[in-house]
Amino acid sequence: MPKLVSDIGHIILQVGNMEEAIKLYRDALGFELKEQSPEWSVITTKLGELTLYKTPKITPLVLRDANVTPISLHVFNFEEAADQLEKKGYSVKRKGKNSGTLTDPWGNMVDLHDHRKA
């Protein structure tokens, strides 16, 4: 059977303010900005990319269980990442030493975790 899909086109996070979104996802989390427009911006990291879509009506990316999100990001050190994000005013719900959930200003939830043993 031939392959029908060549790659993933977009994984979209809806945001209310593109400048604030870039400040969080590029400046705080460390994604690279691949493309930018007033309504769409593509951010990238080593193994993938996300599309930020500015819209006045946001449906946050959260599954039915308010503690679950379909997007999970690896960080080098969760405790350090959470500390830095909190110092910048972002909300991080810690689940332990190695994981937690970042909630962006528009209600999108993103899991953050590391694979450190200690």
PDB file of N, CA and C in Angstrom:
ATOM      1  N   MET A   1       0.844  -1.177   0.000  1.00  0.00           N
ATOM      2  CA  MET A   1       0.000   0.000   0.000  1.00  0.00           C
ATOM      3  C   MET A   1       0.893   1.245   0.000  1.00  0.00           C
ATOM      4  N   PRO A   2       0.667   2.182  -0.910  1.00  0.00           N
ATOM      5  CA  PRO A   2       1.515   3.374  -0.978  1.00  0.00           C
ATOM      6  C   PRO A   2       1.250   4.306   0.207  1.00  0.00           C
ATOM      7  N   LYS A   3       2.269   5.048   0.563  1.00  0.00           N
ATOM      8  CA  LYS A   3       2.124   6.036   1.623  1.00  0.00           C
ATOM      9  C   LYS A   3       1.258   7.183   1.116  1.00  0.00           C
ATOM     10  N   LEU A   4       0.333   7.624   1.942  1.00  0.00           N
ATOM     11  CA  LEU A   4      -0.541   8.728   1.563  1.00  0.00           C
ATOM     12  C   LEU A   4      -0.093  10.052   2.178  1.00  0.00           C
ATOM     13  N   VAL A   5       0.534   9.994   3.344  1.00  0.00           N
ATOM     14  CA  VAL A   5       0.957  11.207   4.039  1.00  0.00           C
ATOM     15  C   VAL A   5       2.460  11.381   3.881  1.00  0.00           C
ATOM     16  N   SER A   6       2.880  12.587   3.503  1.00  0.00           N
ATOM     17  CA  SER A   6       4.313  12.837   3.345  1.00  0.00           C
ATOM     18  C   SER A   6       4.943  13.401   4.614  1.00  0.00           C
ATOM     19  N   ASP A   7       4.184  14.211   5.367  1.00  0.00           N
ATOM     20  CA  ASP A   7       4.686  14.763   6.618  1.00  0.00           C
ATOM     21  C   ASP A   7       3.542  15.410   7.380  1.00  0.00           C
ATOM     22  N   ILE A   8       3.828  15.896   8.586  1.00  0.00           N
ATOM     23  CA  ILE A   8       2.807  16.588   9.370  1.00  0.00           C
ATOM     24  C   ILE A   8       2.813  18.043   8.940  1.00  0.00           C
ATOM     25  N   GLY A   9       1.656  18.536   8.537  1.00  0.00           N
ATOM     26  CA  GLY A   9       1.556  19.916   8.068  1.00  0.00           C
ATOM     27  C   GLY A   9       1.594  20.922   9.198  1.00  0.00           C
ATOM     28  N   HIS A  10       0.675  20.795  10.151  1.00  0.00           N
ATOM     29  CA  HIS A  10       0.610  21.739  11.257  1.00  0.00           C
ATOM     30  C   HIS A  10       0.078  21.062  12.507  1.00  0.00           C
ATOM     31  N   ILE A  11       0.661  21.348  13.623  1.00  0.00           N
ATOM     32  CA  ILE A  11       0.069  21.119  14.929  1.00  0.00           C
ATOM     33  C   ILE A  11      -0.147  22.519  15.464  1.00  0.00           C
ATOM     34  N   ILE A  12      -1.414  22.891  15.633  1.00  0.00           N
ATOM     35  CA  ILE A  12      -1.760  24.297  15.872  1.00  0.00           C
ATOM     36  C   ILE A  12      -2.103  24.566  17.322  1.00  0.00           C
ATOM     37  N   LEU A  13      -1.530  25.657  17.832  1.00  0.00           N
ATOM     38  CA  LEU A  13      -1.919  26.219  19.117  1.00  0.00           C
ATOM     39  C   LEU A  13      -2.547  27.575  18.828  1.00  0.00           C
ATOM     40  N   GLN A  14      -3.772  27.760  19.257  1.00  0.00           N
ATOM     41  CA  GLN A  14      -4.424  29.055  19.067  1.00  0.00           C
ATOM     42  C   GLN A  14      -3.943  30.008  20.167  1.00  0.00           C
ATOM     43  N   VAL A  15      -3.646  31.235  19.755  1.00  0.00           N
ATOM     44  CA  VAL A  15      -3.172  32.252  20.699  1.00  0.00           C
ATOM     45  C   VAL A  15      -3.939  33.543  20.457  1.00  0.00           C
ATOM     46  N   GLY A  16      -3.987  34.394  21.460  1.00  0.00           N
ATOM     47  CA  GLY A  16      -4.704  35.652  21.341  1.00  0.00           C
ATOM     48  C   GLY A  16      -3.830  36.822  20.972  1.00  0.00           C
ATOM     49  N   ASN A  17      -2.509  36.680  21.155  1.00  0.00           N
ATOM     50  CA  ASN A  17      -1.585  37.774  20.879  1.00  0.00           C
ATOM     51  C   ASN A  17      -0.283  37.171  20.382  1.00  0.00           C
ATOM     52  N   MET A  18       0.071  37.443  19.127  1.00  0.00           N
ATOM     53  CA  MET A  18       1.247  36.807  18.536  1.00  0.00           C
ATOM     54  C   MET A  18       2.539  37.242  19.212  1.00  0.00           C
ATOM     55  N   GLU A  19       2.656  38.514  19.561  1.00  0.00           N
ATOM     56  CA  GLU A  19       3.888  38.981  20.227  1.00  0.00           C
ATOM     57  C   GLU A  19       4.093  38.282  21.562  1.00  0.00           C
ATOM     58  N   GLU A  20       3.028  38.139  22.349  1.00  0.00           N
ATOM     59  CA  GLU A  20       3.127  37.433  23.631  1.00  0.00           C
ATOM     60  C   GLU A  20       3.448  35.963  23.417  1.00  0.00           C
ATOM     61  N   ALA A  21       2.861  35.360  22.388  1.00  0.00           N
ATOM     62  CA  ALA A  21       3.114  33.954  22.093  1.00  0.00           C
ATOM     63  C   ALA A  21       4.577  33.735  21.711  1.00  0.00           C
ATOM     64  N   ILE A  22       5.123  34.605  20.887  1.00  0.00           N
ATOM     65  CA  ILE A  22       6.535  34.505  20.505  1.00  0.00           C
ATOM     66  C   ILE A  22       7.422  34.681  21.739  1.00  0.00           C
ATOM     67  N   LYS A  23       7.045  35.595  22.612  1.00  0.00           N
ATOM     68  CA  LYS A  23       7.805  35.832  23.847  1.00  0.00           C
ATOM     69  C   LYS A  23       7.881  34.548  24.687  1.00  0.00           C
ATOM     70  N   LEU A  24       6.768  33.815  24.777  1.00  0.00           N
ATOM     71  CA  LEU A  24       6.766  32.571  25.542  1.00  0.00           C
ATOM     72  C   LEU A  24       7.469  31.449  24.799  1.00  0.00           C
ATOM     73  N   TYR A  25       7.005  31.144  23.602  1.00  0.00           N
ATOM     74  CA  TYR A  25       7.478  29.940  22.920  1.00  0.00           C
ATOM     75  C   TYR A  25       8.897  30.075  22.358  1.00  0.00           C
ATOM     76  N   ARG A  26       9.286  31.237  21.905  1.00  0.00           N
ATOM     77  CA  ARG A  26      10.654  31.420  21.418  1.00  0.00           C
ATOM     78  C   ARG A  26      11.577  31.853  22.544  1.00  0.00           C
ATOM     79  N   ASP A  27      11.227  32.972  23.195  1.00  0.00           N
ATOM     80  CA  ASP A  27      12.152  33.565  24.154  1.00  0.00           C
ATOM     81  C   ASP A  27      12.263  32.788  25.466  1.00  0.00           C
ATOM     82  N   ALA A  28      11.153  32.272  25.975  1.00  0.00           N
ATOM     83  CA  ALA A  28      11.199  31.548  27.249  1.00  0.00           C
ATOM     84  C   ALA A  28      11.485  30.056  27.067  1.00  0.00           C
ATOM     85  N   LEU A  29      10.821  29.413  26.105  1.00  0.00           N
ATOM     86  CA  LEU A  29      11.004  27.977  25.928  1.00  0.00           C
ATOM     87  C   LEU A  29      12.152  27.614  24.996  1.00  0.00           C
ATOM     88  N   GLY A  30      12.539  28.516  24.114  1.00  0.00           N
ATOM     89  CA  GLY A  30      13.710  28.266  23.274  1.00  0.00           C
ATOM     90  C   GLY A  30      13.441  27.732  21.881  1.00  0.00           C
ATOM     91  N   PHE A  31      12.185  27.749  21.425  1.00  0.00           N
ATOM     92  CA  PHE A  31      11.927  27.368  20.038  1.00  0.00           C
ATOM     93  C   PHE A  31      12.574  28.405  19.111  1.00  0.00           C
ATOM     94  N   GLU A  32      12.892  27.988  17.902  1.00  0.00           N
ATOM     95  CA  GLU A  32      13.353  28.926  16.878  1.00  0.00           C
ATOM     96  C   GLU A  32      12.148  29.374  16.074  1.00  0.00           C
ATOM     97  N   LEU A  33      12.167  30.616  15.651  1.00  0.00           N
ATOM     98  CA  LEU A  33      11.083  31.159  14.841  1.00  0.00           C
ATOM     99  C   LEU A  33      11.413  30.886  13.382  1.00  0.00           C
ATOM    100  N   LYS A  34      10.638  30.019  12.744  1.00  0.00           N
ATOM    101  CA  LYS A  34      10.888  29.623  11.357  1.00  0.00           C
ATOM    102  C   LYS A  34      10.194  30.567  10.387  1.00  0.00           C
ATOM    103  N   GLU A  35       8.930  30.884  10.664  1.00  0.00           N
ATOM    104  CA  GLU A  35       8.147  31.789   9.824  1.00  0.00           C
ATOM    105  C   GLU A  35       7.272  32.629  10.738  1.00  0.00           C
ATOM    106  N   GLN A  36       7.017  33.874  10.326  1.00  0.00           N
ATOM    107  CA  GLN A  36       6.170  34.727  11.145  1.00  0.00           C
ATOM    108  C   GLN A  36       5.317  35.627  10.275  1.00  0.00           C
ATOM    109  N   SER A  37       4.056  35.735  10.666  1.00  0.00           N
ATOM    110  CA  SER A  37       3.145  36.686  10.059  1.00  0.00           C
ATOM    111  C   SER A  37       2.259  37.189  11.193  1.00  0.00           C
ATOM    112  N   PRO A  38       1.419  38.183  10.946  1.00  0.00           N
ATOM    113  CA  PRO A  38       0.548  38.650  12.026  1.00  0.00           C
ATOM    114  C   PRO A  38      -0.422  37.581  12.543  1.00  0.00           C
ATOM    115  N   GLU A  39      -0.823  36.627  11.686  1.00  0.00           N
ATOM    116  CA  GLU A  39      -1.793  35.618  12.101  1.00  0.00           C
ATOM    117  C   GLU A  39      -1.204  34.232  12.325  1.00  0.00           C
ATOM    118  N   TRP A  40      -0.129  33.875  11.644  1.00  0.00           N
ATOM    119  CA  TRP A  40       0.480  32.550  11.734  1.00  0.00           C
ATOM    120  C   TRP A  40       1.962  32.682  12.004  1.00  0.00           C
ATOM    121  N   SER A  41       2.475  31.889  12.910  1.00  0.00           N
ATOM    122  CA  SER A  41       3.914  31.800  13.118  1.00  0.00           C
ATOM    123  C   SER A  41       4.266  30.338  13.323  1.00  0.00           C
ATOM    124  N   VAL A  42       5.353  29.904  12.719  1.00  0.00           N
ATOM    125  CA  VAL A  42       5.818  28.536  12.862  1.00  0.00           C
ATOM    126  C   VAL A  42       7.069  28.566  13.732  1.00  0.00           C
ATOM    127  N   ILE A  43       7.018  27.790  14.821  1.00  0.00           N
ATOM    128  CA  ILE A  43       8.174  27.684  15.711  1.00  0.00           C
ATOM    129  C   ILE A  43       8.700  26.262  15.606  1.00  0.00           C
ATOM    130  N   THR A  44       9.999  26.125  15.728  1.00  0.00           N
ATOM    131  CA  THR A  44      10.608  24.824  15.485  1.00  0.00           C
ATOM    132  C   THR A  44      11.665  24.509  16.529  1.00  0.00           C
ATOM    133  N   THR A  45      11.884  23.234  16.709  1.00  0.00           N
ATOM    134  CA  THR A  45      12.957  22.720  17.543  1.00  0.00           C
ATOM    135  C   THR A  45      13.521  21.490  16.845  1.00  0.00           C
ATOM    136  N   LYS A  46      14.487  20.865  17.424  1.00  0.00           N
ATOM    137  CA  LYS A  46      15.223  19.776  16.792  1.00  0.00           C
ATOM    138  C   LYS A  46      14.340  18.747  16.067  1.00  0.00           C
ATOM    139  N   LEU A  47      13.281  18.299  16.702  1.00  0.00           N
ATOM    140  CA  LEU A  47      12.506  17.207  16.113  1.00  0.00           C
ATOM    141  C   LEU A  47      11.075  17.553  15.735  1.00  0.00           C
ATOM    142  N   GLY A  48      10.768  18.829  15.611  1.00  0.00           N
ATOM    143  CA  GLY A  48       9.410  19.137  15.203  1.00  0.00           C
ATOM    144  C   GLY A  48       9.085  20.607  15.278  1.00  0.00           C
ATOM    145  N   GLU A  49       7.876  20.925  14.851  1.00  0.00           N
ATOM    146  CA  GLU A  49       7.456  22.311  14.867  1.00  0.00           C
ATOM    147  C   GLU A  49       5.996  22.439  15.256  1.00  0.00           C
ATOM    148  N   LEU A  50       5.653  23.603  15.731  1.00  0.00           N
ATOM    149  CA  LEU A  50       4.286  23.960  16.092  1.00  0.00           C
ATOM    150  C   LEU A  50       3.911  25.213  15.333  1.00  0.00           C
ATOM    151  N   THR A  51       2.633  25.366  15.065  1.00  0.00           N
ATOM    152  CA  THR A  51       2.136  26.571  14.415  1.00  0.00           C
ATOM    153  C   THR A  51       1.296  27.343  15.417  1.00  0.00           C
ATOM    154  N   LEU A  52       1.632  28.589  15.624  1.00  0.00           N
ATOM    155  CA  LEU A  52       0.863  29.479  16.481  1.00  0.00           C
ATOM    156  C   LEU A  52      -0.109  30.229  15.585  1.00  0.00           C
ATOM    157  N   TYR A  53      -1.395  30.178  15.915  1.00  0.00           N
ATOM    158  CA  TYR A  53      -2.428  30.805  15.109  1.00  0.00           C
ATOM    159  C   TYR A  53      -3.165  31.832  15.953  1.00  0.00           C
ATOM    160  N   LYS A  54      -3.090  33.088  15.551  1.00  0.00           N
ATOM    161  CA  LYS A  54      -3.757  34.161  16.284  1.00  0.00           C
ATOM    162  C   LYS A  54      -5.224  34.228  15.875  1.00  0.00           C
ATOM    163  N   THR A  55      -6.086  34.147  16.890  1.00  0.00           N
ATOM    164  CA  THR A  55      -7.517  34.199  16.643  1.00  0.00           C
ATOM    165  C   THR A  55      -8.205  34.822  17.850  1.00  0.00           C
ATOM    166  N   PRO A  56      -9.270  35.574  17.638  1.00  0.00           N
ATOM    167  CA  PRO A  56      -9.967  36.167  18.777  1.00  0.00           C
ATOM    168  C   PRO A  56     -10.797  35.146  19.567  1.00  0.00           C
ATOM    169  N   LYS A  57     -11.189  34.043  18.925  1.00  0.00           N
ATOM    170  CA  LYS A  57     -11.971  33.011  19.609  1.00  0.00           C
ATOM    171  C   LYS A  57     -11.093  31.774  19.768  1.00  0.00           C
ATOM    172  N   ILE A  58     -10.652  31.548  21.003  1.00  0.00           N
ATOM    173  CA  ILE A  58      -9.684  30.485  21.260  1.00  0.00           C
ATOM    174  C   ILE A  58     -10.364  29.270  21.876  1.00  0.00           C
ATOM    175  N   THR A  59     -10.040  28.107  21.324  1.00  0.00           N
ATOM    176  CA  THR A  59     -10.401  26.838  21.923  1.00  0.00           C
ATOM    177  C   THR A  59      -9.088  26.245  22.428  1.00  0.00           C
ATOM    178  N   PRO A  60      -8.819  26.362  23.742  1.00  0.00           N
ATOM    179  CA  PRO A  60      -7.528  25.897  24.257  1.00  0.00           C
ATOM    180  C   PRO A  60      -7.275  24.423  23.972  1.00  0.00           C
ATOM    181  N   LEU A  61      -6.013  24.093  23.759  1.00  0.00           N
ATOM    182  CA  LEU A  61      -5.603  22.721  23.524  1.00  0.00           C
ATOM    183  C   LEU A  61      -5.469  22.020  24.870  1.00  0.00           C
ATOM    184  N   VAL A  62      -6.548  21.339  25.248  1.00  0.00           N
ATOM    185  CA  VAL A  62      -6.635  20.602  26.501  1.00  0.00           C
ATOM    186  C   VAL A  62      -7.576  19.434  26.246  1.00  0.00           C
ATOM    187  N   LEU A  63      -7.245  18.281  26.761  1.00  0.00           N
ATOM    188  CA  LEU A  63      -8.161  17.153  26.641  1.00  0.00           C
ATOM    189  C   LEU A  63      -9.225  17.258  27.731  1.00  0.00           C
ATOM    190  N   ARG A  64     -10.210  16.405  27.682  1.00  0.00           N
ATOM    191  CA  ARG A  64     -11.330  16.480  28.634  1.00  0.00           C
ATOM    192  C   ARG A  64     -10.869  16.512  30.076  1.00  0.00           C
ATOM    193  N   ASP A  65      -9.915  15.681  30.410  1.00  0.00           N
ATOM    194  CA  ASP A  65      -9.356  15.690  31.758  1.00  0.00           C
ATOM    195  C   ASP A  65      -8.464  16.916  31.841  1.00  0.00           C
ATOM    196  N   ALA A  66      -8.774  17.840  32.693  1.00  0.00           N
ATOM    197  CA  ALA A  66      -8.075  19.130  32.753  1.00  0.00           C
ATOM    198  C   ALA A  66      -6.590  18.994  33.066  1.00  0.00           C
ATOM    199  N   ASN A  67      -6.126  17.814  33.397  1.00  0.00           N
ATOM    200  CA  ASN A  67      -4.706  17.642  33.698  1.00  0.00           C
ATOM    201  C   ASN A  67      -3.947  16.932  32.582  1.00  0.00           C
ATOM    202  N   VAL A  68      -4.568  16.798  31.413  1.00  0.00           N
ATOM    203  CA  VAL A  68      -3.948  16.056  30.317  1.00  0.00           C
ATOM    204  C   VAL A  68      -3.876  16.933  29.079  1.00  0.00           C
ATOM    205  N   THR A  69      -2.757  16.857  28.380  1.00  0.00           N
ATOM    206  CA  THR A  69      -2.566  17.595  27.145  1.00  0.00           C
ATOM    207  C   THR A  69      -1.938  16.680  26.092  1.00  0.00           C
ATOM    208  N   PRO A  70      -2.266  16.865  24.828  1.00  0.00           N
ATOM    209  CA  PRO A  70      -1.662  16.027  23.797  1.00  0.00           C
ATOM    210  C   PRO A  70      -0.258  16.476  23.391  1.00  0.00           C
ATOM    211  N   ILE A  71       0.211  17.614  23.893  1.00  0.00           N
ATOM    212  CA  ILE A  71       1.553  18.083  23.528  1.00  0.00           C
ATOM    213  C   ILE A  71       2.477  17.924  24.725  1.00  0.00           C
ATOM    214  N   SER A  72       3.568  17.232  24.502  1.00  0.00           N
ATOM    215  CA  SER A  72       4.548  16.980  25.557  1.00  0.00           C
ATOM    216  C   SER A  72       5.927  17.366  25.037  1.00  0.00           C
ATOM    217  N   LEU A  73       6.617  18.213  25.779  1.00  0.00           N
ATOM    218  CA  LEU A  73       7.943  18.674  25.387  1.00  0.00           C
ATOM    219  C   LEU A  73       8.999  18.164  26.364  1.00  0.00           C
ATOM    220  N   HIS A  74      10.129  17.737  25.825  1.00  0.00           N
ATOM    221  CA  HIS A  74      11.257  17.372  26.672  1.00  0.00           C
ATOM    222  C   HIS A  74      12.030  18.634  27.029  1.00  0.00           C
ATOM    223  N   VAL A  75      12.424  18.745  28.280  1.00  0.00           N
ATOM    224  CA  VAL A  75      13.300  19.815  28.737  1.00  0.00           C
ATOM    225  C   VAL A  75      14.544  19.168  29.324  1.00  0.00           C
ATOM    226  N   PHE A  76      15.628  19.924  29.413  1.00  0.00           N
ATOM    227  CA  PHE A  76      16.863  19.359  29.946  1.00  0.00           C
ATOM    228  C   PHE A  76      16.736  19.088  31.444  1.00  0.00           C
ATOM    229  N   ASN A  77      16.123  20.024  32.160  1.00  0.00           N
ATOM    230  CA  ASN A  77      15.961  19.904  33.601  1.00  0.00           C
ATOM    231  C   ASN A  77      14.624  20.551  33.955  1.00  0.00           C
ATOM    232  N   PHE A  78      13.642  19.736  34.323  1.00  0.00           N
ATOM    233  CA  PHE A  78      12.313  20.271  34.563  1.00  0.00           C
ATOM    234  C   PHE A  78      12.291  21.312  35.669  1.00  0.00           C
ATOM    235  N   GLU A  79      12.949  21.049  36.789  1.00  0.00           N
ATOM    236  CA  GLU A  79      12.903  21.991  37.914  1.00  0.00           C
ATOM    237  C   GLU A  79      13.445  23.359  37.506  1.00  0.00           C
ATOM    238  N   GLU A  80      14.553  23.370  36.773  1.00  0.00           N
ATOM    239  CA  GLU A  80      15.121  24.651  36.309  1.00  0.00           C
ATOM    240  C   GLU A  80      14.180  25.330  35.313  1.00  0.00           C
ATOM    241  N   ALA A  81      13.603  24.558  34.401  1.00  0.00           N
ATOM    242  CA  ALA A  81      12.683  25.130  33.416  1.00  0.00           C
ATOM    243  C   ALA A  81      11.464  25.722  34.112  1.00  0.00           C
ATOM    244  N   ALA A  82      10.890  24.996  35.058  1.00  0.00           N
ATOM    245  CA  ALA A  82       9.712  25.484  35.779  1.00  0.00           C
ATOM    246  C   ALA A  82      10.047  26.758  36.558  1.00  0.00           C
ATOM    247  N   ASP A  83      11.192  26.770  37.228  1.00  0.00           N
ATOM    248  CA  ASP A  83      11.609  27.966  37.979  1.00  0.00           C
ATOM    249  C   ASP A  83      11.719  29.179  37.058  1.00  0.00           C
ATOM    250  N   GLN A  84      12.371  29.007  35.913  1.00  0.00           N
ATOM    251  CA  GLN A  84      12.550  30.121  34.973  1.00  0.00           C
ATOM    252  C   GLN A  84      11.219  30.612  34.426  1.00  0.00           C
ATOM    253  N   LEU A  85      10.334  29.689  34.077  1.00  0.00           N
ATOM    254  CA  LEU A  85       9.023  30.077  33.542  1.00  0.00           C
ATOM    255  C   LEU A  85       8.194  30.807  34.596  1.00  0.00           C
ATOM    256  N   GLU A  86       8.215  30.313  35.819  1.00  0.00           N
ATOM    257  CA  GLU A  86       7.459  30.957  36.898  1.00  0.00           C
ATOM    258  C   GLU A  86       7.990  32.358  37.199  1.00  0.00           C
ATOM    259  N   LYS A  87       9.308  32.528  37.142  1.00  0.00           N
ATOM    260  CA  LYS A  87       9.899  33.852  37.362  1.00  0.00           C
ATOM    261  C   LYS A  87       9.447  34.850  36.294  1.00  0.00           C
ATOM    262  N   LYS A  88       9.118  34.335  35.111  1.00  0.00           N
ATOM    263  CA  LYS A  88       8.639  35.191  34.022  1.00  0.00           C
ATOM    264  C   LYS A  88       7.125  35.364  34.059  1.00  0.00           C
ATOM    265  N   GLY A  89       6.480  34.785  35.075  1.00  0.00           N
ATOM    266  CA  GLY A  89       5.042  34.968  35.257  1.00  0.00           C
ATOM    267  C   GLY A  89       4.151  33.910  34.630  1.00  0.00           C
ATOM    268  N   TYR A  90       4.722  32.817  34.136  1.00  0.00           N
ATOM    269  CA  TYR A  90       3.924  31.757  33.536  1.00  0.00           C
ATOM    270  C   TYR A  90       3.521  30.726  34.579  1.00  0.00           C
ATOM    271  N   SER A  91       2.383  30.088  34.363  1.00  0.00           N
ATOM    272  CA  SER A  91       1.851  29.116  35.304  1.00  0.00           C
ATOM    273  C   SER A  91       2.349  27.709  34.973  1.00  0.00           C
ATOM    274  N   VAL A  92       3.001  27.083  35.946  1.00  0.00           N
ATOM    275  CA  VAL A  92       3.469  25.702  35.795  1.00  0.00           C
ATOM    276  C   VAL A  92       2.928  24.897  36.969  1.00  0.00           C
ATOM    277  N   LYS A  93       2.177  23.853  36.661  1.00  0.00           N
ATOM    278  CA  LYS A  93       1.680  22.952  37.697  1.00  0.00           C
ATOM    279  C   LYS A  93       2.659  21.787  37.782  1.00  0.00           C
ATOM    280  N   ARG A  94       3.358  21.697  38.894  1.00  0.00           N
ATOM    281  CA  ARG A  94       4.375  20.656  39.068  1.00  0.00           C
ATOM    282  C   ARG A  94       3.733  19.336  39.471  1.00  0.00           C
ATOM    283  N   LYS A  95       4.178  18.270  38.801  1.00  0.00           N
ATOM    284  CA  LYS A  95       3.680  16.931  39.121  1.00  0.00           C
ATOM    285  C   LYS A  95       4.738  16.126  39.867  1.00  0.00           C
ATOM    286  N   GLY A  96       5.894  16.711  40.058  1.00  0.00           N
ATOM    287  CA  GLY A  96       7.014  16.047  40.717  1.00  0.00           C
ATOM    288  C   GLY A  96       8.295  16.729  40.302  1.00  0.00           C
ATOM    289  N   LYS A  97       9.431  16.080  40.596  1.00  0.00           N
ATOM    290  CA  LYS A  97      10.737  16.663  40.278  1.00  0.00           C
ATOM    291  C   LYS A  97      11.030  16.710  38.787  1.00  0.00           C
ATOM    292  N   ASN A  98      10.370  15.837  38.021  1.00  0.00           N
ATOM    293  CA  ASN A  98      10.735  15.695  36.624  1.00  0.00           C
ATOM    294  C   ASN A  98       9.654  16.071  35.627  1.00  0.00           C
ATOM    295  N   SER A  99       8.484  16.519  36.103  1.00  0.00           N
ATOM    296  CA  SER A  99       7.439  16.834  35.131  1.00  0.00           C
ATOM    297  C   SER A  99       6.399  17.791  35.692  1.00  0.00           C
ATOM    298  N   GLY A 100       5.676  18.393  34.760  1.00  0.00           N
ATOM    299  CA  GLY A 100       4.606  19.303  35.113  1.00  0.00           C
ATOM    300  C   GLY A 100       3.936  19.822  33.858  1.00  0.00           C
ATOM    301  N   THR A 101       2.980  20.720  34.047  1.00  0.00           N
ATOM    302  CA  THR A 101       2.220  21.251  32.927  1.00  0.00           C
ATOM    303  C   THR A 101       2.278  22.767  32.919  1.00  0.00           C
ATOM    304  N   LEU A 102       2.694  23.308  31.797  1.00  0.00           N
ATOM    305  CA  LEU A 102       2.684  24.746  31.550  1.00  0.00           C
ATOM    306  C   LEU A 102       1.336  25.100  30.944  1.00  0.00           C
ATOM    307  N   THR A 103       0.701  26.129  31.485  1.00  0.00           N
ATOM    308  CA  THR A 103      -0.522  26.651  30.877  1.00  0.00           C
ATOM    309  C   THR A 103      -0.193  28.021  30.325  1.00  0.00           C
ATOM    310  N   ASP A 104      -0.367  28.201  29.006  1.00  0.00           N
ATOM    311  CA  ASP A 104      -0.024  29.488  28.408  1.00  0.00           C
ATOM    312  C   ASP A 104      -1.139  30.506  28.678  1.00  0.00           C
ATOM    313  N   PRO A 105      -0.928  31.772  28.331  1.00  0.00           N
ATOM    314  CA  PRO A 105      -1.925  32.801  28.639  1.00  0.00           C
ATOM    315  C   PRO A 105      -3.294  32.579  27.991  1.00  0.00           C
ATOM    316  N   TRP A 106      -3.416  31.658  27.038  1.00  0.00           N
ATOM    317  CA  TRP A 106      -4.680  31.409  26.345  1.00  0.00           C
ATOM    318  C   TRP A 106      -5.324  30.101  26.764  1.00  0.00           C
ATOM    319  N   GLY A 107      -4.755  29.442  27.767  1.00  0.00           N
ATOM    320  CA  GLY A 107      -5.338  28.208  28.283  1.00  0.00           C
ATOM    321  C   GLY A 107      -4.807  26.935  27.666  1.00  0.00           C
ATOM    322  N   ASN A 108      -3.900  27.033  26.694  1.00  0.00           N
ATOM    323  CA  ASN A 108      -3.288  25.833  26.121  1.00  0.00           C
ATOM    324  C   ASN A 108      -2.382  25.197  27.168  1.00  0.00           C
ATOM    325  N   MET A 109      -2.486  23.888  27.304  1.00  0.00           N
ATOM    326  CA  MET A 109      -1.646  23.170  28.248  1.00  0.00           C
ATOM    327  C   MET A 109      -0.576  22.400  27.484  1.00  0.00           C
ATOM    328  N   VAL A 110       0.669  22.496  27.981  1.00  0.00           N
ATOM    329  CA  VAL A 110       1.804  21.815  27.376  1.00  0.00           C
ATOM    330  C   VAL A 110       2.553  21.092  28.486  1.00  0.00           C
ATOM    331  N   ASP A 111       2.686  19.779  28.338  1.00  0.00           N
ATOM    332  CA  ASP A 111       3.429  18.988  29.312  1.00  0.00           C
ATOM    333  C   ASP A 111       4.917  19.235  29.132  1.00  0.00           C
ATOM    334  N   LEU A 112       5.630  19.385  30.230  1.00  0.00           N
ATOM    335  CA  LEU A 112       7.083  19.526  30.219  1.00  0.00           C
ATOM    336  C   LEU A 112       7.653  18.412  31.094  1.00  0.00           C
ATOM    337  N   HIS A 113       8.651  17.711  30.601  1.00  0.00           N
ATOM    338  CA  HIS A 113       9.293  16.699  31.451  1.00  0.00           C
ATOM    339  C   HIS A 113      10.718  16.443  30.995  1.00  0.00           C
ATOM    340  N   ASP A 114      11.500  15.933  31.942  1.00  0.00           N
ATOM    341  CA  ASP A 114      12.870  15.520  31.617  1.00  0.00           C
ATOM    342  C   ASP A 114      13.010  14.039  31.920  1.00  0.00           C
ATOM    343  N   HIS A 115      14.137  13.495  31.554  1.00  0.00           N
ATOM    344  CA  HIS A 115      14.379  12.066  31.774  1.00  0.00           C
ATOM    345  C   HIS A 115      15.546  11.849  32.741  1.00  0.00           C
ATOM    346  N   ARG A 116      15.755  12.834  33.614  1.00  0.00           N
ATOM    347  CA  ARG A 116      16.822  12.697  34.598  1.00  0.00           C
ATOM    348  C   ARG A 116      16.434  11.635  35.615  1.00  0.00           C
ATOM    349  N   LYS A 117      17.400  10.892  36.085  1.00  0.00           N
ATOM    350  CA  LYS A 117      17.149   9.837  37.068  1.00  0.00           C
ATOM    351  C   LYS A 117      17.146  10.405  38.483  1.00  0.00           C
ATOM    352  N   ALA A 118      17.936  11.417  38.729  1.00  0.00           N
ATOM    353  CA  ALA A 118      18.049  11.960  40.101  1.00  0.00           C
ATOM    354  C   ALA A 118      17.089  13.078  40.336  1.00  0.00           C
TER     355      ALA A 118
END
